[in-house]
Amino acid sequence: MDIARFKASLASLGADLERWPPDEAQAAVALLAASDEAVALFAQASADDLTLFGDDAGDLDGLVDKTLGRIS
């Protein structure tokens, strides 16, 4: 998965990788492990999702760690 595909998937599926098709979620996790840009995009998408649903988006690092631990 490249950054462009990752951005498109974030835009269409959101930051909850459990909603992504399993093969795409695994590719996203691999990209997140290798790319600071992907991590920044994921953090922003996570914050946007939390804000959209009325949650506090304060601990993005914890959210990223929790999500990567759950999927990988």
N, C-alpha and C. Protein backbone atom coordinates (compact mmCIF):
# COMPACT_ATOMS: atom_id res chain seq x y z
N MET A 1 0.85 -1.16 0.00
CA MET A 1 0.00 0.00 0.00
C MET A 1 0.91 1.23 0.00
N ASP A 2 0.54 2.21 -0.83
CA ASP A 2 1.29 3.46 -0.84
C ASP A 2 0.48 4.55 -0.13
N ILE A 3 1.10 5.70 0.04
CA ILE A 3 0.46 6.79 0.77
C ILE A 3 -0.85 7.23 0.11
N ALA A 4 -0.87 7.30 -1.21
CA ALA A 4 -2.09 7.74 -1.91
C ALA A 4 -3.25 6.78 -1.62
N ARG A 5 -3.00 5.49 -1.68
CA ARG A 5 -4.05 4.49 -1.39
C ARG A 5 -4.46 4.57 0.08
N PHE A 6 -3.49 4.76 0.95
CA PHE A 6 -3.77 4.88 2.38
C PHE A 6 -4.67 6.07 2.64
N LYS A 7 -4.36 7.22 2.04
CA LYS A 7 -5.19 8.42 2.20
C LYS A 7 -6.61 8.16 1.71
N ALA A 8 -6.72 7.52 0.55
CA ALA A 8 -8.05 7.23 -0.01
C ALA A 8 -8.84 6.30 0.91
N SER A 9 -8.17 5.30 1.46
CA SER A 9 -8.86 4.37 2.36
C SER A 9 -9.27 5.05 3.66
N LEU A 10 -8.40 5.91 4.19
CA LEU A 10 -8.78 6.67 5.38
C LEU A 10 -10.00 7.53 5.12
N ALA A 11 -10.03 8.17 3.95
CA ALA A 11 -11.15 9.05 3.61
C ALA A 11 -12.45 8.27 3.45
N SER A 12 -12.37 7.08 2.88
CA SER A 12 -13.60 6.34 2.63
C SER A 12 -14.02 5.42 3.76
N LEU A 13 -13.04 4.87 4.51
CA LEU A 13 -13.35 3.88 5.53
C LEU A 13 -13.16 4.38 6.96
N GLY A 14 -12.45 5.49 7.12
CA GLY A 14 -12.20 6.03 8.45
C GLY A 14 -10.96 5.41 9.07
N ALA A 15 -10.68 5.81 10.29
CA ALA A 15 -9.46 5.41 10.97
C ALA A 15 -9.60 4.11 11.78
N ASP A 16 -10.77 3.56 11.87
CA ASP A 16 -10.96 2.29 12.59
C ASP A 16 -10.60 1.15 11.64
N LEU A 17 -9.40 0.62 11.80
CA LEU A 17 -8.92 -0.41 10.87
C LEU A 17 -9.73 -1.70 10.94
N GLU A 18 -10.52 -1.88 11.96
CA GLU A 18 -11.39 -3.06 12.02
C GLU A 18 -12.51 -3.00 10.98
N ARG A 19 -12.79 -1.80 10.47
CA ARG A 19 -13.81 -1.66 9.42
C ARG A 19 -13.23 -1.89 8.03
N TRP A 20 -11.93 -1.94 7.92
CA TRP A 20 -11.27 -2.13 6.63
C TRP A 20 -11.26 -3.62 6.28
N PRO A 21 -11.23 -3.93 4.98
CA PRO A 21 -11.02 -5.33 4.61
C PRO A 21 -9.70 -5.82 5.22
N PRO A 22 -9.65 -7.05 5.70
CA PRO A 22 -8.47 -7.53 6.42
C PRO A 22 -7.14 -7.34 5.67
N ASP A 23 -7.12 -7.60 4.37
CA ASP A 23 -5.87 -7.46 3.64
C ASP A 23 -5.43 -6.00 3.57
N GLU A 24 -6.38 -5.08 3.44
CA GLU A 24 -6.04 -3.66 3.42
C GLU A 24 -5.59 -3.18 4.80
N ALA A 25 -6.22 -3.70 5.84
CA ALA A 25 -5.82 -3.32 7.20
C ALA A 25 -4.39 -3.77 7.48
N GLN A 26 -4.04 -4.97 7.06
CA GLN A 26 -2.68 -5.47 7.26
C GLN A 26 -1.67 -4.63 6.47
N ALA A 27 -2.03 -4.26 5.25
CA ALA A 27 -1.15 -3.41 4.45
C ALA A 27 -1.00 -2.04 5.10
N ALA A 28 -2.07 -1.52 5.67
CA ALA A 28 -2.02 -0.24 6.36
C ALA A 28 -1.11 -0.31 7.58
N VAL A 29 -1.19 -1.38 8.34
CA VAL A 29 -0.33 -1.56 9.52
C VAL A 29 1.13 -1.59 9.09
N ALA A 30 1.42 -2.29 8.01
CA ALA A 30 2.81 -2.34 7.51
C ALA A 30 3.28 -0.95 7.10
N LEU A 31 2.42 -0.20 6.44
CA LEU A 31 2.78 1.16 6.04
C LEU A 31 2.97 2.04 7.26
N LEU A 32 2.11 1.92 8.24
CA LEU A 32 2.24 2.70 9.47
C LEU A 32 3.55 2.40 10.20
N ALA A 33 4.00 1.17 10.14
CA ALA A 33 5.26 0.80 10.78
C ALA A 33 6.47 1.39 10.07
N ALA A 34 6.30 1.73 8.79
CA ALA A 34 7.43 2.19 7.99
C ALA A 34 7.41 3.67 7.64
N SER A 35 6.29 4.34 7.87
CA SER A 35 6.14 5.70 7.34
C SER A 35 5.63 6.68 8.40
N ASP A 36 6.45 7.68 8.69
CA ASP A 36 6.01 8.74 9.60
C ASP A 36 4.85 9.53 8.99
N GLU A 37 4.85 9.68 7.68
CA GLU A 37 3.75 10.40 7.02
C GLU A 37 2.43 9.65 7.22
N ALA A 38 2.47 8.33 7.10
CA ALA A 38 1.26 7.53 7.31
C ALA A 38 0.77 7.66 8.75
N VAL A 39 1.70 7.64 9.70
CA VAL A 39 1.32 7.80 11.11
C VAL A 39 0.65 9.15 11.33
N ALA A 40 1.20 10.21 10.75
CA ALA A 40 0.60 11.55 10.89
C ALA A 40 -0.79 11.59 10.27
N LEU A 41 -0.95 10.99 9.11
CA LEU A 41 -2.27 10.95 8.46
C LEU A 41 -3.26 10.15 9.30
N PHE A 42 -2.81 9.02 9.84
CA PHE A 42 -3.67 8.19 10.68
C PHE A 42 -4.08 8.93 11.95
N ALA A 43 -3.12 9.61 12.56
CA ALA A 43 -3.43 10.37 13.78
C ALA A 43 -4.46 11.45 13.49
N GLN A 44 -4.30 12.15 12.38
CA GLN A 44 -5.26 13.20 12.04
C GLN A 44 -6.64 12.62 11.74
N ALA A 45 -6.67 11.52 11.01
CA ALA A 45 -7.95 10.87 10.71
C ALA A 45 -8.61 10.36 11.99
N SER A 46 -7.82 9.85 12.92
CA SER A 46 -8.36 9.39 14.21
C SER A 46 -8.94 10.56 14.98
N ALA A 47 -8.23 11.68 15.00
CA ALA A 47 -8.72 12.87 15.70
C ALA A 47 -10.01 13.36 15.06
N ASP A 48 -10.05 13.35 13.73
CA ASP A 48 -11.25 13.78 13.03
C ASP A 48 -12.43 12.88 13.36
N ASP A 49 -12.20 11.56 13.39
CA ASP A 49 -13.26 10.62 13.73
C ASP A 49 -13.77 10.87 15.15
N LEU A 50 -12.83 11.05 16.08
CA LEU A 50 -13.22 11.28 17.47
C LEU A 50 -14.02 12.57 17.61
N THR A 51 -13.57 13.60 16.94
CA THR A 51 -14.27 14.88 17.00
C THR A 51 -15.67 14.75 16.39
N LEU A 52 -15.76 14.05 15.29
CA LEU A 52 -17.04 13.85 14.61
C LEU A 52 -18.05 13.18 15.54
N PHE A 53 -17.58 12.23 16.34
CA PHE A 53 -18.48 11.49 17.22
C PHE A 53 -18.52 12.06 18.64
N GLY A 54 -17.93 13.25 18.83
CA GLY A 54 -18.05 13.94 20.11
C GLY A 54 -17.12 13.46 21.20
N ASP A 55 -16.08 12.74 20.85
CA ASP A 55 -15.12 12.28 21.85
C ASP A 55 -13.94 13.23 21.92
N ASP A 56 -13.19 13.16 23.01
CA ASP A 56 -11.99 13.96 23.18
C ASP A 56 -10.85 13.31 22.40
N ALA A 57 -10.17 14.09 21.58
CA ALA A 57 -9.09 13.57 20.74
C ALA A 57 -7.73 13.86 21.36
N GLY A 58 -7.63 13.86 22.67
CA GLY A 58 -6.41 14.26 23.34
C GLY A 58 -5.22 13.32 23.19
N ASP A 59 -5.39 12.03 23.35
CA ASP A 59 -4.26 11.10 23.38
C ASP A 59 -4.15 10.33 22.07
N LEU A 60 -3.68 10.99 21.04
CA LEU A 60 -3.58 10.33 19.74
C LEU A 60 -2.49 9.27 19.71
N ASP A 61 -1.38 9.49 20.41
CA ASP A 61 -0.32 8.48 20.43
C ASP A 61 -0.84 7.18 21.04
N GLY A 62 -1.59 7.29 22.12
CA GLY A 62 -2.17 6.11 22.75
C GLY A 62 -3.16 5.41 21.83
N LEU A 63 -3.93 6.20 21.10
CA LEU A 63 -4.90 5.63 20.17
C LEU A 63 -4.19 4.89 19.04
N VAL A 64 -3.14 5.48 18.50
CA VAL A 64 -2.37 4.82 17.44
C VAL A 64 -1.78 3.52 17.96
N ASP A 65 -1.15 3.55 19.14
CA ASP A 65 -0.56 2.34 19.71
C ASP A 65 -1.62 1.27 19.94
N LYS A 66 -2.76 1.66 20.46
CA LYS A 66 -3.83 0.73 20.75
C LYS A 66 -4.35 0.09 19.45
N THR A 67 -4.52 0.89 18.42
CA THR A 67 -5.02 0.37 17.15
C THR A 67 -4.01 -0.55 16.51
N LEU A 68 -2.75 -0.18 16.49
CA LEU A 68 -1.73 -1.04 15.88
C LEU A 68 -1.60 -2.33 16.65
N GLY A 69 -1.71 -2.30 17.96
CA GLY A 69 -1.63 -3.51 18.76
C GLY A 69 -2.80 -4.44 18.51
N ARG A 70 -3.95 -3.86 18.25
CA ARG A 70 -5.16 -4.66 18.04
C ARG A 70 -5.16 -5.33 16.68
N ILE A 71 -4.61 -4.67 15.66
CA ILE A 71 -4.65 -5.19 14.30
C ILE A 71 -3.47 -6.10 13.99
N SER A 72 -2.28 -5.77 14.49
CA SER A 72 -1.09 -6.53 14.10
C SER A 72 -0.97 -7.84 14.82
